[in-house]
Amino acid sequence: MSERKVLTKYYPPDFDPSKITRTRGPKQVGPKVQTVRLMAPFSMKCTSCGEYIYKGRKFNARKETSGDKYYNIPIYRFYIRCTRCSGEITFKTDPKNMDYECERGAKRNFEVWREAKLNDAETEEERLDRLEREEEERNAMVELEAKTLDAKREMEIADALDEIRTRNAKNERVDRAGVALGERGGERDEEMEREEREMEEAAKRAFMTEEGEKVRRLVDEEEGGSAPAEKAAVEGGPTEEAIPSFKRVVKKKKDFSAALGIKKKTRLVL
């Protein structure tokens, strides 16, 4: 097995490595070309011989960098040859649609999912317009939310002010009512005092008369007992006997049985 692999090379006895000179090849003109190994990115049909090349077929391709860019992303071009007629087929990358684009030498097969995607896909201008509309709608929503919050805050402030005004008005009414009640109470007290004074004066005038003096003495007797008699003796006034008494006296019933001729029965006591 190992003898089939050329791991070493034969060098003749007269080999002189100093005689080997390095030569430069022709300078490459145009874009840089590399040889790479890749697979067919899509199914295609050769336009020269009609050969179908399925997706995933491996090729030795030449890769070059084209001068085009998409948002600073370089676009690469690949060269392959048909497996039947060796016709040259070229395709390049499409970073905009995240796919590959067939240029010449072959025709890409119809793909339903790709067609629907292309129909639904929007152009760059449409996408920018959509983003601008979304931004405007978002700003409009933010403004609407801010306005709603401001209106809610103003309503809360107005409610608080109304509550404060109502409380102040209520306190003012209570204060006025209290002052009025105080004034009325003072007037009532003055009236009561005046009435009391008038009653005292009337009582004094009543006690100044003889009957009033008697009433006063009786009241003093009921309250103080013998105090009026002692007071009268000290003052030299009339004694208790001279003062008429207003106590209730029980009268004896008269016996009218003799006048009617009714005789009383006598009881014998044994």
C-alpha atoms as a PDB file:
ATOM      1  CA  MET A   1       0.000   0.000   0.000  1.00  0.00           C
ATOM      2  CA  SER A   2       2.751   2.410   0.929  1.00  0.00           C
ATOM      3  CA  GLU A   3       4.728   1.697  -2.235  1.00  0.00           C
ATOM      4  CA  ARG A   4       1.953   3.191  -4.308  1.00  0.00           C
ATOM      5  CA  LYS A   5       2.184   6.520  -2.507  1.00  0.00           C
ATOM      6  CA  VAL A   6       5.040   8.704  -3.595  1.00  0.00           C
ATOM      7  CA  LEU A   7       6.305   9.978  -0.310  1.00  0.00           C
ATOM      8  CA  THR A   8       9.892  10.569  -1.462  1.00  0.00           C
ATOM      9  CA  LYS A   9      11.431  11.614  -4.736  1.00  0.00           C
ATOM     10  CA  TYR A  10      14.526  10.281  -6.454  1.00  0.00           C
ATOM     11  CA  TYR A  11      17.496  12.600  -6.630  1.00  0.00           C
ATOM     12  CA  PRO A  12      20.367  11.578  -8.961  1.00  0.00           C
ATOM     13  CA  PRO A  13      23.982  11.593  -7.683  1.00  0.00           C
ATOM     14  CA  ASP A  14      24.921  14.592  -9.773  1.00  0.00           C
ATOM     15  CA  PHE A  15      21.941  16.722  -8.578  1.00  0.00           C
ATOM     16  CA  ASP A  16      22.980  20.274  -7.756  1.00  0.00           C
ATOM     17  CA  PRO A  17      20.174  22.331  -6.114  1.00  0.00           C
ATOM     18  CA  SER A  18      22.145  25.550  -6.568  1.00  0.00           C
ATOM     19  CA  LYS A  19      21.555  25.372 -10.287  1.00  0.00           C
ATOM     20  CA  ILE A  20      17.766  25.625  -9.776  1.00  0.00           C
ATOM     21  CA  THR A  21      16.585  29.159 -10.500  1.00  0.00           C
ATOM     22  CA  ARG A  22      13.254  30.729  -9.645  1.00  0.00           C
ATOM     23  CA  THR A  23      11.385  32.293 -12.490  1.00  0.00           C
ATOM     24  CA  ARG A  24       8.416  34.654 -12.194  1.00  0.00           C
ATOM     25  CA  GLY A  25       5.309  33.935 -14.159  1.00  0.00           C
ATOM     26  CA  PRO A  26       3.323  36.476 -16.095  1.00  0.00           C
ATOM     27  CA  LYS A  27       1.585  39.082 -13.981  1.00  0.00           C
ATOM     28  CA  GLN A  28      -2.119  38.444 -13.637  1.00  0.00           C
ATOM     29  CA  VAL A  29      -4.258  41.036 -15.316  1.00  0.00           C
ATOM     30  CA  GLY A  30      -7.796  41.733 -14.121  1.00  0.00           C
ATOM     31  CA  PRO A  31      -9.550  40.352 -11.058  1.00  0.00           C
ATOM     32  CA  LYS A  32      -7.885  37.762  -8.903  1.00  0.00           C
ATOM     33  CA  VAL A  33      -8.858  34.200  -9.839  1.00  0.00           C
ATOM     34  CA  GLN A  34      -8.748  31.239  -7.482  1.00  0.00           C
ATOM     35  CA  THR A  35      -9.486  27.584  -8.006  1.00  0.00           C
ATOM     36  CA  VAL A  36     -11.988  26.264  -5.481  1.00  0.00           C
ATOM     37  CA  ARG A  37     -14.021  23.110  -4.955  1.00  0.00           C
ATOM     38  CA  LEU A  38     -17.765  23.707  -4.705  1.00  0.00           C
ATOM     39  CA  MET A  39     -21.176  22.185  -5.282  1.00  0.00           C
ATOM     40  CA  ALA A  40     -23.818  23.486  -7.642  1.00  0.00           C
ATOM     41  CA  PRO A  41     -26.012  25.831  -5.582  1.00  0.00           C
ATOM     42  CA  PHE A  42     -29.150  25.099  -7.653  1.00  0.00           C
ATOM     43  CA  SER A  43     -30.463  22.781 -10.333  1.00  0.00           C
ATOM     44  CA  MET A  44     -29.771  24.022 -13.872  1.00  0.00           C
ATOM     45  CA  LYS A  45     -29.955  23.036 -17.533  1.00  0.00           C
ATOM     46  CA  CYS A  46     -27.085  23.631 -19.926  1.00  0.00           C
ATOM     47  CA  THR A  47     -28.146  25.845 -22.861  1.00  0.00           C
ATOM     48  CA  SER A  48     -25.596  24.249 -25.232  1.00  0.00           C
ATOM     49  CA  CYS A  49     -26.452  20.551 -24.933  1.00  0.00           C
ATOM     50  CA  GLY A  50     -29.510  20.494 -22.680  1.00  0.00           C
ATOM     51  CA  GLU A  51     -27.765  18.521 -19.910  1.00  0.00           C
ATOM     52  CA  TYR A  52     -29.437  18.758 -16.491  1.00  0.00           C
ATOM     53  CA  ILE A  53     -27.091  19.459 -13.602  1.00  0.00           C
ATOM     54  CA  TYR A  54     -28.661  18.734 -10.249  1.00  0.00           C
ATOM     55  CA  LYS A  55     -28.135  20.684  -7.072  1.00  0.00           C
ATOM     56  CA  GLY A  56     -25.149  19.479  -5.063  1.00  0.00           C
ATOM     57  CA  ARG A  57     -22.992  18.289  -8.003  1.00  0.00           C
ATOM     58  CA  LYS A  58     -19.312  18.918  -7.243  1.00  0.00           C
ATOM     59  CA  PHE A  59     -17.118  20.983  -9.538  1.00  0.00           C
ATOM     60  CA  ASN A  60     -13.632  22.434  -9.672  1.00  0.00           C
ATOM     61  CA  ALA A  61     -14.499  26.087 -10.257  1.00  0.00           C
ATOM     62  CA  ARG A  62     -12.631  29.302 -10.749  1.00  0.00           C
ATOM     63  CA  LYS A  63     -13.542  32.010  -8.308  1.00  0.00           C
ATOM     64  CA  GLU A  64     -13.008  35.688  -8.992  1.00  0.00           C
ATOM     65  CA  THR A  65     -13.980  38.843  -7.205  1.00  0.00           C
ATOM     66  CA  SER A  66     -16.131  41.188  -9.212  1.00  0.00           C
ATOM     67  CA  GLY A  67     -15.972  44.889  -8.574  1.00  0.00           C
ATOM     68  CA  ASP A  68     -19.617  45.063  -7.420  1.00  0.00           C
ATOM     69  CA  LYS A  69     -20.608  45.285  -3.781  1.00  0.00           C
ATOM     70  CA  TYR A  70     -23.872  45.196  -1.861  1.00  0.00           C
ATOM     71  CA  TYR A  71     -23.702  47.225   1.357  1.00  0.00           C
ATOM     72  CA  ASN A  72     -19.943  46.692   1.453  1.00  0.00           C
ATOM     73  CA  ILE A  73     -20.399  42.937   0.858  1.00  0.00           C
ATOM     74  CA  PRO A  74     -18.299  41.780  -2.131  1.00  0.00           C
ATOM     75  CA  ILE A  75     -19.971  39.766  -4.886  1.00  0.00           C
ATOM     76  CA  TYR A  76     -18.100  36.673  -6.156  1.00  0.00           C
ATOM     77  CA  ARG A  77     -18.348  35.023  -9.579  1.00  0.00           C
ATOM     78  CA  PHE A  78     -17.781  31.299 -10.255  1.00  0.00           C
ATOM     79  CA  TYR A  79     -16.884  29.500 -13.532  1.00  0.00           C
ATOM     80  CA  ILE A  80     -17.724  25.831 -14.031  1.00  0.00           C
ATOM     81  CA  ARG A  81     -17.972  23.562 -17.094  1.00  0.00           C
ATOM     82  CA  CYS A  82     -20.829  21.348 -18.237  1.00  0.00           C
ATOM     83  CA  THR A  83     -20.245  17.649 -17.523  1.00  0.00           C
ATOM     84  CA  ARG A  84     -21.350  16.704 -21.047  1.00  0.00           C
ATOM     85  CA  CYS A  85     -20.256  19.386 -23.523  1.00  0.00           C
ATOM     86  CA  SER A  86     -17.713  21.199 -21.302  1.00  0.00           C
ATOM     87  CA  GLY A  87     -19.505  24.470 -21.956  1.00  0.00           C
ATOM     88  CA  GLU A  88     -18.638  27.273 -19.587  1.00  0.00           C
ATOM     89  CA  ILE A  89     -21.284  28.185 -17.038  1.00  0.00           C
ATOM     90  CA  THR A  90     -21.035  31.203 -14.790  1.00  0.00           C
ATOM     91  CA  PHE A  91     -23.055  32.245 -11.744  1.00  0.00           C
ATOM     92  CA  LYS A  92     -22.475  34.744  -8.935  1.00  0.00           C
ATOM     93  CA  THR A  93     -23.586  35.379  -5.394  1.00  0.00           C
ATOM     94  CA  ASP A  94     -26.687  37.427  -4.598  1.00  0.00           C
ATOM     95  CA  PRO A  95     -26.356  38.763  -1.004  1.00  0.00           C
ATOM     96  CA  LYS A  96     -29.495  40.858  -1.380  1.00  0.00           C
ATOM     97  CA  ASN A  97     -31.743  37.790  -1.671  1.00  0.00           C
ATOM     98  CA  MET A  98     -29.296  35.469   0.133  1.00  0.00           C
ATOM     99  CA  ASP A  99     -29.061  33.271  -2.956  1.00  0.00           C
ATOM    100  CA  TYR A 100     -27.111  32.726  -6.212  1.00  0.00           C
ATOM    101  CA  GLU A 101     -27.824  34.176  -9.630  1.00  0.00           C
ATOM    102  CA  CYS A 102     -27.147  32.306 -12.893  1.00  0.00           C
ATOM    103  CA  GLU A 103     -25.461  34.531 -15.500  1.00  0.00           C
ATOM    104  CA  ARG A 104     -24.779  32.566 -18.708  1.00  0.00           C
ATOM    105  CA  GLY A 105     -24.184  29.071 -20.085  1.00  0.00           C
ATOM    106  CA  ALA A 106     -27.161  27.533 -18.247  1.00  0.00           C
ATOM    107  CA  LYS A 107     -30.724  28.170 -17.220  1.00  0.00           C
ATOM    108  CA  ARG A 108     -31.965  27.714 -13.706  1.00  0.00           C
ATOM    109  CA  ASN A 109     -34.795  25.247 -13.224  1.00  0.00           C
ATOM    110  CA  PHE A 110     -38.189  26.454 -12.084  1.00  0.00           C
ATOM    111  CA  GLU A 111     -38.675  26.328  -8.298  1.00  0.00           C
ATOM    112  CA  VAL A 112     -42.108  26.992  -6.837  1.00  0.00           C
ATOM    113  CA  TRP A 113     -40.917  28.122  -3.428  1.00  0.00           C
ATOM    114  CA  ARG A 114     -38.411  30.542  -4.982  1.00  0.00           C
ATOM    115  CA  GLU A 115     -41.030  32.037  -7.291  1.00  0.00           C
ATOM    116  CA  ALA A 116     -43.387  32.667  -4.350  1.00  0.00           C
ATOM    117  CA  LYS A 117     -40.527  34.152  -2.374  1.00  0.00           C
ATOM    118  CA  LEU A 118     -39.587  36.472  -5.239  1.00  0.00           C
ATOM    119  CA  ASN A 119     -43.202  37.571  -5.657  1.00  0.00           C
ATOM    120  CA  ASP A 120     -43.527  38.251  -1.956  1.00  0.00           C
ATOM    121  CA  ALA A 121     -40.119  39.821  -1.732  1.00  0.00           C
ATOM    122  CA  GLU A 122     -40.055  43.584  -1.575  1.00  0.00           C
ATOM    123  CA  THR A 123     -37.565  45.854  -3.190  1.00  0.00           C
ATOM    124  CA  GLU A 124     -35.109  47.967  -1.275  1.00  0.00           C
ATOM    125  CA  GLU A 125     -37.165  51.105  -1.732  1.00  0.00           C
ATOM    126  CA  GLU A 126     -40.320  49.324  -0.610  1.00  0.00           C
ATOM    127  CA  ARG A 127     -38.539  48.011   2.445  1.00  0.00           C
ATOM    128  CA  LEU A 128     -37.235  51.477   3.303  1.00  0.00           C
ATOM    129  CA  ASP A 129     -40.706  52.923   2.843  1.00  0.00           C
ATOM    130  CA  ARG A 130     -42.147  50.220   5.073  1.00  0.00           C
ATOM    131  CA  LEU A 131     -39.551  50.894   7.754  1.00  0.00           C
ATOM    132  CA  GLU A 132     -40.308  54.613   7.580  1.00  0.00           C
ATOM    133  CA  ARG A 133     -44.035  53.953   7.919  1.00  0.00           C
ATOM    134  CA  GLU A 134     -43.427  51.662  10.876  1.00  0.00           C
ATOM    135  CA  GLU A 135     -41.238  54.310  12.487  1.00  0.00           C
ATOM    136  CA  GLU A 136     -43.908  56.960  11.946  1.00  0.00           C
ATOM    137  CA  GLU A 137     -46.595  54.670  13.359  1.00  0.00           C
ATOM    138  CA  ARG A 138     -44.383  53.902  16.322  1.00  0.00           C
ATOM    139  CA  ASN A 139     -43.811  57.604  16.912  1.00  0.00           C
ATOM    140  CA  ALA A 140     -47.549  58.222  16.583  1.00  0.00           C
ATOM    141  CA  MET A 141     -48.232  55.512  19.173  1.00  0.00           C
ATOM    142  CA  VAL A 142     -45.643  57.021  21.509  1.00  0.00           C
ATOM    143  CA  GLU A 143     -47.226  60.450  21.112  1.00  0.00           C
ATOM    144  CA  LEU A 144     -50.688  58.996  21.699  1.00  0.00           C
ATOM    145  CA  GLU A 145     -49.509  57.243  24.869  1.00  0.00           C
ATOM    146  CA  ALA A 146     -47.874  60.460  26.081  1.00  0.00           C
ATOM    147  CA  LYS A 147     -51.076  62.420  25.390  1.00  0.00           C
ATOM    148  CA  THR A 148     -53.134  59.792  27.209  1.00  0.00           C
ATOM    149  CA  LEU A 149     -50.846  59.961  30.235  1.00  0.00           C
ATOM    150  CA  ASP A 150     -50.979  63.771  30.222  1.00  0.00           C
ATOM    151  CA  ALA A 151     -54.788  63.745  30.028  1.00  0.00           C
ATOM    152  CA  LYS A 152     -54.967  61.231  32.876  1.00  0.00           C
ATOM    153  CA  ARG A 153     -52.601  63.344  34.980  1.00  0.00           C
ATOM    154  CA  GLU A 154     -54.657  66.500  34.284  1.00  0.00           C
ATOM    155  CA  MET A 155     -57.857  64.687  35.288  1.00  0.00           C
ATOM    156  CA  GLU A 156     -56.253  63.543  38.551  1.00  0.00           C
ATOM    157  CA  ILE A 157     -55.051  67.088  39.269  1.00  0.00           C
ATOM    158  CA  ALA A 158     -58.525  68.495  38.503  1.00  0.00           C
ATOM    159  CA  ASP A 159     -60.151  65.916  40.822  1.00  0.00           C
ATOM    160  CA  ALA A 160     -57.701  66.782  43.587  1.00  0.00           C
ATOM    161  CA  LEU A 161     -58.400  70.514  43.165  1.00  0.00           C
ATOM    162  CA  ASP A 162     -62.162  69.920  43.254  1.00  0.00           C
ATOM    163  CA  GLU A 163     -61.785  67.877  46.422  1.00  0.00           C
ATOM    164  CA  ILE A 164     -59.690  70.625  48.040  1.00  0.00           C
ATOM    165  CA  ARG A 165     -62.202  73.312  47.009  1.00  0.00           C
ATOM    166  CA  THR A 166     -65.098  71.229  48.391  1.00  0.00           C
ATOM    167  CA  ARG A 167     -63.269  70.681  51.682  1.00  0.00           C
ATOM    168  CA  ASN A 168     -62.424  74.381  52.022  1.00  0.00           C
ATOM    169  CA  ALA A 169     -66.024  75.387  51.271  1.00  0.00           C
ATOM    170  CA  LYS A 170     -67.292  72.887  53.838  1.00  0.00           C
ATOM    171  CA  ASN A 171     -64.863  74.168  56.483  1.00  0.00           C
ATOM    172  CA  GLU A 172     -65.887  77.748  55.729  1.00  0.00           C
ATOM    173  CA  ARG A 173     -69.581  76.892  56.114  1.00  0.00           C
ATOM    174  CA  VAL A 174     -68.863  75.118  59.397  1.00  0.00           C
ATOM    175  CA  ASP A 175     -66.905  78.110  60.695  1.00  0.00           C
ATOM    176  CA  ARG A 176     -69.678  80.519  59.737  1.00  0.00           C
ATOM    177  CA  ALA A 177     -72.281  78.268  61.361  1.00  0.00           C
ATOM    178  CA  GLY A 178     -70.137  78.044  64.501  1.00  0.00           C
ATOM    179  CA  VAL A 179     -69.777  81.821  64.689  1.00  0.00           C
ATOM    180  CA  ALA A 180     -73.525  82.259  64.167  1.00  0.00           C
ATOM    181  CA  LEU A 181     -74.283  79.644  66.794  1.00  0.00           C
ATOM    182  CA  GLY A 182     -71.883  81.353  69.177  1.00  0.00           C
ATOM    183  CA  GLU A 183     -73.574  84.697  68.621  1.00  0.00           C
ATOM    184  CA  ARG A 184     -77.011  83.166  69.081  1.00  0.00           C
ATOM    185  CA  GLY A 185     -75.830  81.345  72.210  1.00  0.00           C
ATOM    186  CA  GLY A 186     -74.531  84.615  73.642  1.00  0.00           C
ATOM    187  CA  GLU A 187     -77.834  86.289  72.926  1.00  0.00           C
ATOM    188  CA  ARG A 188     -79.702  83.422  74.556  1.00  0.00           C
ATOM    189  CA  ASP A 189     -77.491  83.620  77.648  1.00  0.00           C
ATOM    190  CA  GLU A 190     -78.130  87.336  77.948  1.00  0.00           C
ATOM    191  CA  GLU A 191     -81.862  86.764  77.623  1.00  0.00           C
ATOM    192  CA  MET A 192     -81.799  84.048  80.292  1.00  0.00           C
ATOM    193  CA  GLU A 193     -79.779  86.228  82.623  1.00  0.00           C
ATOM    194  CA  ARG A 194     -82.184  89.095  82.077  1.00  0.00           C
ATOM    195  CA  GLU A 195     -85.172  86.835  82.769  1.00  0.00           C
ATOM    196  CA  GLU A 196     -83.537  85.517  85.934  1.00  0.00           C
ATOM    197  CA  ARG A 197     -82.866  89.016  87.147  1.00  0.00           C
ATOM    198  CA  GLU A 198     -86.453  89.992  86.450  1.00  0.00           C
ATOM    199  CA  MET A 199     -87.706  86.936  88.356  1.00  0.00           C
ATOM    200  CA  GLU A 200     -85.448  87.727  91.296  1.00  0.00           C
ATOM    201  CA  GLU A 201     -86.665  91.314  91.358  1.00  0.00           C
ATOM    202  CA  ALA A 202     -90.298  90.149  91.196  1.00  0.00           C
ATOM    203  CA  ALA A 203     -89.649  87.726  94.035  1.00  0.00           C
ATOM    204  CA  LYS A 204     -88.060  90.459  96.104  1.00  0.00           C
ATOM    205  CA  ARG A 205     -91.013  92.738  95.508  1.00  0.00           C
ATOM    206  CA  ALA A 206     -93.381  89.912  96.435  1.00  0.00           C
ATOM    207  CA  PHE A 207     -91.503  89.218  99.665  1.00  0.00           C
ATOM    208  CA  MET A 208     -91.622  92.901 100.539  1.00  0.00           C
ATOM    209  CA  THR A 209     -95.386  92.697 101.097  1.00  0.00           C
ATOM    210  CA  GLU A 210     -96.999  91.187 104.232  1.00  0.00           C
ATOM    211  CA  GLU A 211     -98.274  88.077 102.503  1.00  0.00           C
ATOM    212  CA  GLY A 212     -94.908  87.623 100.859  1.00  0.00           C
ATOM    213  CA  GLU A 213     -93.244  87.925 104.240  1.00  0.00           C
ATOM    214  CA  LYS A 214     -95.520  85.217 105.605  1.00  0.00           C
ATOM    215  CA  VAL A 215     -94.764  82.955 102.654  1.00  0.00           C
ATOM    216  CA  ARG A 216     -91.056  83.519 103.169  1.00  0.00           C
ATOM    217  CA  ARG A 217     -91.327  82.611 106.832  1.00  0.00           C
ATOM    218  CA  LEU A 218     -93.239  79.460 106.039  1.00  0.00           C
ATOM    219  CA  VAL A 219     -90.594  78.471 103.536  1.00  0.00           C
ATOM    220  CA  ASP A 220     -87.903  79.125 106.098  1.00  0.00           C
ATOM    221  CA  GLU A 221     -89.782  76.994 108.672  1.00  0.00           C
ATOM    222  CA  GLU A 222     -90.089  74.099 106.299  1.00  0.00           C
ATOM    223  CA  GLU A 223     -86.426  74.320 105.443  1.00  0.00           C
ATOM    224  CA  GLY A 224     -84.946  75.223 108.819  1.00  0.00           C
ATOM    225  CA  GLY A 225     -87.510  74.067 111.453  1.00  0.00           C
ATOM    226  CA  SER A 226     -87.079  76.193 114.594  1.00  0.00           C
ATOM    227  CA  ALA A 227     -84.693  78.591 112.998  1.00  0.00           C
ATOM    228  CA  PRO A 228     -87.419  81.167 112.195  1.00  0.00           C
ATOM    229  CA  ALA A 229     -88.716  81.218 115.782  1.00  0.00           C
ATOM    230  CA  GLU A 230     -85.260  81.784 117.160  1.00  0.00           C
ATOM    231  CA  LYS A 231     -84.636  84.438 114.529  1.00  0.00           C
ATOM    232  CA  ALA A 232     -87.935  86.133 115.416  1.00  0.00           C
ATOM    233  CA  ALA A 233     -87.147  86.023 119.160  1.00  0.00           C
ATOM    234  CA  VAL A 234     -83.754  87.541 118.536  1.00  0.00           C
ATOM    235  CA  GLU A 235     -85.137  90.247 116.332  1.00  0.00           C
ATOM    236  CA  GLY A 236     -88.056  90.922 118.693  1.00  0.00           C
ATOM    237  CA  GLY A 237     -90.671  90.008 116.190  1.00  0.00           C
ATOM    238  CA  PRO A 238     -93.819  87.904 116.640  1.00  0.00           C
ATOM    239  CA  THR A 239     -93.380  84.413 118.083  1.00  0.00           C
ATOM    240  CA  GLU A 240     -94.444  81.127 116.479  1.00  0.00           C
ATOM    241  CA  GLU A 241     -97.792  81.208 118.330  1.00  0.00           C
ATOM    242  CA  ALA A 242     -98.665  84.576 116.762  1.00  0.00           C
ATOM    243  CA  ILE A 243     -97.859  83.296 113.305  1.00  0.00           C
ATOM    244  CA  PRO A 244    -100.876  81.612 111.731  1.00  0.00           C
ATOM    245  CA  SER A 245    -100.391  78.048 110.717  1.00  0.00           C
ATOM    246  CA  PHE A 246    -101.402  76.701 107.336  1.00  0.00           C
ATOM    247  CA  LYS A 247    -101.212  73.053 108.346  1.00  0.00           C
ATOM    248  CA  ARG A 248    -104.116  70.766 107.433  1.00  0.00           C
ATOM    249  CA  VAL A 249    -106.455  70.001 110.340  1.00  0.00           C
ATOM    250  CA  VAL A 250    -108.669  66.896 110.321  1.00  0.00           C
ATOM    251  CA  LYS A 251    -112.174  67.775 111.400  1.00  0.00           C
ATOM    252  CA  LYS A 252    -114.257  65.377 113.519  1.00  0.00           C
ATOM    253  CA  LYS A 253    -117.336  63.942 111.944  1.00  0.00           C
ATOM    254  CA  LYS A 254    -120.651  64.907 113.538  1.00  0.00           C
ATOM    255  CA  ASP A 255    -122.898  62.121 114.810  1.00  0.00           C
ATOM    256  CA  PHE A 256    -126.366  62.538 113.275  1.00  0.00           C
ATOM    257  CA  SER A 257    -127.712  59.185 114.594  1.00  0.00           C
ATOM    258  CA  ALA A 258    -129.403  60.821 117.674  1.00  0.00           C
ATOM    259  CA  ALA A 259    -131.152  63.344 115.505  1.00  0.00           C
ATOM    260  CA  LEU A 260    -132.554  60.592 113.348  1.00  0.00           C
ATOM    261  CA  GLY A 261    -133.695  58.553 116.372  1.00  0.00           C
ATOM    262  CA  ILE A 262    -131.234  55.711 115.873  1.00  0.00           C
ATOM    263  CA  LYS A 263    -130.105  54.146 119.025  1.00  0.00           C
ATOM    264  CA  LYS A 264    -126.666  52.718 119.330  1.00  0.00           C
ATOM    265  CA  LYS A 265    -126.375  49.105 120.408  1.00  0.00           C
ATOM    266  CA  THR A 266    -124.437  48.507 123.497  1.00  0.00           C
ATOM    267  CA  ARG A 267    -122.206  45.496 123.711  1.00  0.00           C
ATOM    268  CA  LEU A 268    -121.909  43.591 126.850  1.00  0.00           C
ATOM    269  CA  VAL A 269    -118.460  42.751 127.824  1.00  0.00           C
ATOM    270  CA  LEU A 270    -118.202  39.651 129.942  1.00  0.00           C
END
